[in-house]
Amino acid sequence: MAKKTIEQAERAFEDSVRDSFLRDRELRALQTAAQEALAALYARQDELVRQAKAEQYITGSTNLEDWLASIRMRVELPRL
């Protein structure tokens, strides 16, 4: 009887460790995906700022509100 209880406890422990490992792996994958999405957003932001600065240079506009509006019009946030 005690041997059976010990075996059940060992199996339960192994299952718990396996589940914990799988959850940890899933969380790391989600974290990596979130970091990649954030990097893509920063890259897009940099691109938009470069474009807006180029437009500002070409048009000679020094109006900050126009410059910010031109960036806002092009920003597309990803849908979750």
N, C-alpha and C. Protein backbone atom coordinates (compact mmCIF):
# COMPACT_ATOMS: atom_id res chain seq x y z
N MET A 1 0.82 -1.19 0.00
CA MET A 1 0.00 0.00 0.00
C MET A 1 0.86 1.26 0.00
N ALA A 2 1.88 1.29 0.86
CA ALA A 2 2.76 2.46 0.93
C ALA A 2 3.54 2.62 -0.37
N LYS A 3 3.93 1.47 -0.97
CA LYS A 3 4.68 1.53 -2.23
C LYS A 3 3.82 2.14 -3.33
N LYS A 4 2.54 1.76 -3.37
CA LYS A 4 1.63 2.30 -4.37
C LYS A 4 1.44 3.81 -4.17
N THR A 5 1.33 4.24 -2.94
CA THR A 5 1.18 5.66 -2.64
C THR A 5 2.43 6.44 -3.05
N ILE A 6 3.59 5.87 -2.80
CA ILE A 6 4.85 6.51 -3.19
C ILE A 6 4.92 6.63 -4.71
N GLU A 7 4.55 5.57 -5.43
CA GLU A 7 4.57 5.60 -6.90
C GLU A 7 3.60 6.65 -7.43
N GLN A 8 2.43 6.75 -6.82
CA GLN A 8 1.46 7.77 -7.25
C GLN A 8 2.01 9.17 -7.00
N ALA A 9 2.65 9.35 -5.87
CA ALA A 9 3.24 10.66 -5.55
C ALA A 9 4.36 11.00 -6.53
N GLU A 10 5.17 9.99 -6.88
CA GLU A 10 6.25 10.22 -7.85
C GLU A 10 5.68 10.60 -9.21
N ARG A 11 4.63 9.89 -9.64
CA ARG A 11 4.00 10.21 -10.93
C ARG A 11 3.39 11.61 -10.91
N ALA A 12 2.75 11.94 -9.81
CA ALA A 12 2.15 13.28 -9.69
C ALA A 12 3.23 14.36 -9.75
N PHE A 13 4.36 14.10 -9.09
CA PHE A 13 5.46 15.05 -9.12
C PHE A 13 6.01 15.19 -10.53
N GLU A 14 6.22 14.07 -11.23
CA GLU A 14 6.72 14.10 -12.61
C GLU A 14 5.76 14.85 -13.52
N ASP A 15 4.46 14.61 -13.35
CA ASP A 15 3.45 15.32 -14.15
C ASP A 15 3.51 16.82 -13.87
N SER A 16 3.67 17.16 -12.61
CA SER A 16 3.75 18.57 -12.23
C SER A 16 4.98 19.24 -12.85
N VAL A 17 6.10 18.56 -12.81
CA VAL A 17 7.33 19.10 -13.40
C VAL A 17 7.17 19.26 -14.91
N ARG A 18 6.60 18.27 -15.55
CA ARG A 18 6.40 18.32 -17.01
C ARG A 18 5.46 19.47 -17.38
N ASP A 19 4.36 19.61 -16.64
CA ASP A 19 3.42 20.71 -16.89
C ASP A 19 4.08 22.07 -16.69
N SER A 20 4.88 22.17 -15.65
CA SER A 20 5.58 23.42 -15.38
C SER A 20 6.56 23.74 -16.51
N PHE A 21 7.26 22.73 -16.99
CA PHE A 21 8.20 22.92 -18.10
C PHE A 21 7.46 23.39 -19.35
N LEU A 22 6.33 22.77 -19.65
CA LEU A 22 5.56 23.15 -20.84
C LEU A 22 5.02 24.57 -20.72
N ARG A 23 4.52 24.93 -19.55
CA ARG A 23 4.03 26.30 -19.34
C ARG A 23 5.16 27.31 -19.50
N ASP A 24 6.31 26.98 -18.96
CA ASP A 24 7.47 27.87 -19.07
C ASP A 24 7.86 28.05 -20.53
N ARG A 25 7.85 26.97 -21.28
CA ARG A 25 8.20 27.03 -22.70
C ARG A 25 7.18 27.88 -23.47
N GLU A 26 5.91 27.71 -23.16
CA GLU A 26 4.86 28.51 -23.81
C GLU A 26 5.02 29.99 -23.47
N LEU A 27 5.32 30.28 -22.22
CA LEU A 27 5.49 31.68 -21.81
C LEU A 27 6.70 32.30 -22.50
N ARG A 28 7.79 31.55 -22.64
CA ARG A 28 8.95 32.07 -23.36
C ARG A 28 8.63 32.34 -24.82
N ALA A 29 7.84 31.46 -25.43
CA ALA A 29 7.44 31.67 -26.83
C ALA A 29 6.58 32.93 -26.96
N LEU A 30 5.66 33.12 -26.03
CA LEU A 30 4.83 34.34 -26.04
C LEU A 30 5.67 35.59 -25.82
N GLN A 31 6.63 35.50 -24.93
CA GLN A 31 7.50 36.64 -24.67
C GLN A 31 8.32 36.99 -25.91
N THR A 32 8.83 35.98 -26.58
CA THR A 32 9.60 36.21 -27.81
C THR A 32 8.72 36.86 -28.87
N ALA A 33 7.51 36.36 -29.03
CA ALA A 33 6.59 36.93 -30.02
C ALA A 33 6.27 38.39 -29.68
N ALA A 34 6.06 38.68 -28.41
CA ALA A 34 5.77 40.06 -27.99
C ALA A 34 6.97 40.97 -28.25
N GLN A 35 8.17 40.48 -27.98
CA GLN A 35 9.37 41.28 -28.24
C GLN A 35 9.55 41.55 -29.73
N GLU A 36 9.26 40.55 -30.56
CA GLU A 36 9.37 40.73 -32.01
C GLU A 36 8.33 41.74 -32.51
N ALA A 37 7.12 41.67 -31.96
CA ALA A 37 6.07 42.61 -32.36
C ALA A 37 6.45 44.03 -31.94
N LEU A 38 7.00 44.18 -30.76
CA LEU A 38 7.42 45.49 -30.28
C LEU A 38 8.55 46.04 -31.14
N ALA A 39 9.50 45.18 -31.50
CA ALA A 39 10.59 45.61 -32.37
C ALA A 39 10.06 46.07 -33.73
N ALA A 40 9.06 45.37 -34.25
CA ALA A 40 8.45 45.76 -35.52
C ALA A 40 7.75 47.11 -35.39
N LEU A 41 7.07 47.34 -34.27
CA LEU A 41 6.42 48.63 -34.05
C LEU A 41 7.44 49.77 -33.96
N TYR A 42 8.55 49.53 -33.26
CA TYR A 42 9.59 50.55 -33.17
C TYR A 42 10.20 50.82 -34.54
N ALA A 43 10.39 49.78 -35.33
CA ALA A 43 10.93 49.97 -36.68
C ALA A 43 9.96 50.78 -37.53
N ARG A 44 8.68 50.49 -37.41
CA ARG A 44 7.66 51.24 -38.16
C ARG A 44 7.63 52.70 -37.70
N GLN A 45 7.74 52.90 -36.40
CA GLN A 45 7.77 54.26 -35.87
C GLN A 45 8.97 55.02 -36.43
N ASP A 46 10.13 54.40 -36.43
CA ASP A 46 11.33 55.04 -36.98
C ASP A 46 11.14 55.39 -38.45
N GLU A 47 10.54 54.46 -39.20
CA GLU A 47 10.28 54.71 -40.62
C GLU A 47 9.34 55.90 -40.80
N LEU A 48 8.29 55.96 -40.00
CA LEU A 48 7.34 57.07 -40.10
C LEU A 48 7.99 58.40 -39.75
N VAL A 49 8.83 58.40 -38.74
CA VAL A 49 9.52 59.63 -38.36
C VAL A 49 10.45 60.08 -39.48
N ARG A 50 11.18 59.14 -40.08
CA ARG A 50 12.06 59.49 -41.21
C ARG A 50 11.25 60.07 -42.37
N GLN A 51 10.12 59.45 -42.68
CA GLN A 51 9.27 59.95 -43.76
C GLN A 51 8.74 61.35 -43.45
N ALA A 52 8.30 61.54 -42.22
CA ALA A 52 7.76 62.84 -41.84
C ALA A 52 8.84 63.91 -41.90
N LYS A 53 10.05 63.56 -41.46
CA LYS A 53 11.15 64.53 -41.52
C LYS A 53 11.49 64.85 -42.97
N ALA A 54 11.45 63.84 -43.83
CA ALA A 54 11.72 64.08 -45.25
C ALA A 54 10.65 64.98 -45.84
N GLU A 55 9.40 64.74 -45.51
CA GLU A 55 8.31 65.59 -45.99
C GLU A 55 8.46 67.01 -45.46
N GLN A 56 8.85 67.11 -44.22
CA GLN A 56 9.04 68.43 -43.61
C GLN A 56 10.15 69.17 -44.35
N TYR A 57 11.22 68.45 -44.68
CA TYR A 57 12.34 69.06 -45.39
C TYR A 57 11.92 69.49 -46.80
N ILE A 58 11.18 68.60 -47.48
CA ILE A 58 10.75 68.89 -48.85
C ILE A 58 9.77 70.06 -48.90
N THR A 59 8.80 70.05 -47.99
CA THR A 59 7.77 71.10 -48.02
C THR A 59 8.22 72.37 -47.31
N GLY A 60 9.24 72.25 -46.51
CA GLY A 60 9.70 73.42 -45.76
C GLY A 60 8.82 73.76 -44.58
N SER A 61 7.89 72.87 -44.27
CA SER A 61 6.96 73.12 -43.17
C SER A 61 7.69 72.99 -41.84
N THR A 62 7.46 73.95 -40.99
CA THR A 62 8.03 73.87 -39.64
C THR A 62 6.93 73.77 -38.59
N ASN A 63 5.71 73.56 -39.06
CA ASN A 63 4.57 73.45 -38.16
C ASN A 63 4.58 72.07 -37.50
N LEU A 64 4.81 72.05 -36.22
CA LEU A 64 4.90 70.78 -35.49
C LEU A 64 3.59 70.01 -35.55
N GLU A 65 2.47 70.69 -35.48
CA GLU A 65 1.17 70.01 -35.52
C GLU A 65 0.97 69.29 -36.86
N ASP A 66 1.36 69.92 -37.96
CA ASP A 66 1.26 69.27 -39.27
C ASP A 66 2.14 68.03 -39.32
N TRP A 67 3.33 68.16 -38.77
CA TRP A 67 4.29 67.06 -38.78
C TRP A 67 3.75 65.88 -37.97
N LEU A 68 3.22 66.16 -36.78
CA LEU A 68 2.65 65.10 -35.95
C LEU A 68 1.41 64.49 -36.59
N ALA A 69 0.59 65.31 -37.21
CA ALA A 69 -0.62 64.80 -37.87
C ALA A 69 -0.25 63.87 -39.02
N SER A 70 0.81 64.20 -39.75
CA SER A 70 1.21 63.33 -40.86
C SER A 70 1.68 61.97 -40.35
N ILE A 71 2.27 61.95 -39.17
CA ILE A 71 2.69 60.67 -38.58
C ILE A 71 1.46 59.91 -38.09
N ARG A 72 0.57 60.59 -37.39
CA ARG A 72 -0.62 59.93 -36.84
C ARG A 72 -1.48 59.29 -37.93
N MET A 73 -1.56 59.94 -39.08
CA MET A 73 -2.40 59.41 -40.15
C MET A 73 -1.86 58.07 -40.68
N ARG A 74 -0.56 57.84 -40.55
CA ARG A 74 0.03 56.63 -41.12
C ARG A 74 0.23 55.51 -40.11
N VAL A 75 0.01 55.78 -38.86
CA VAL A 75 0.23 54.76 -37.83
C VAL A 75 -0.89 53.73 -37.88
N GLU A 76 -0.49 52.48 -37.99
CA GLU A 76 -1.45 51.38 -37.98
C GLU A 76 -1.03 50.41 -36.89
N LEU A 77 -1.81 50.34 -35.84
CA LEU A 77 -1.49 49.43 -34.75
C LEU A 77 -2.02 48.04 -35.09
N PRO A 78 -1.26 47.01 -34.72
CA PRO A 78 -1.72 45.65 -35.01
C PRO A 78 -2.94 45.29 -34.19
N ARG A 79 -3.78 44.50 -34.76
CA ARG A 79 -4.98 44.02 -34.07
C ARG A 79 -4.61 42.79 -33.26
N LEU A 80 -5.03 42.77 -32.01
CA LEU A 80 -4.73 41.61 -31.14
C LEU A 80 -5.87 40.64 -31.16
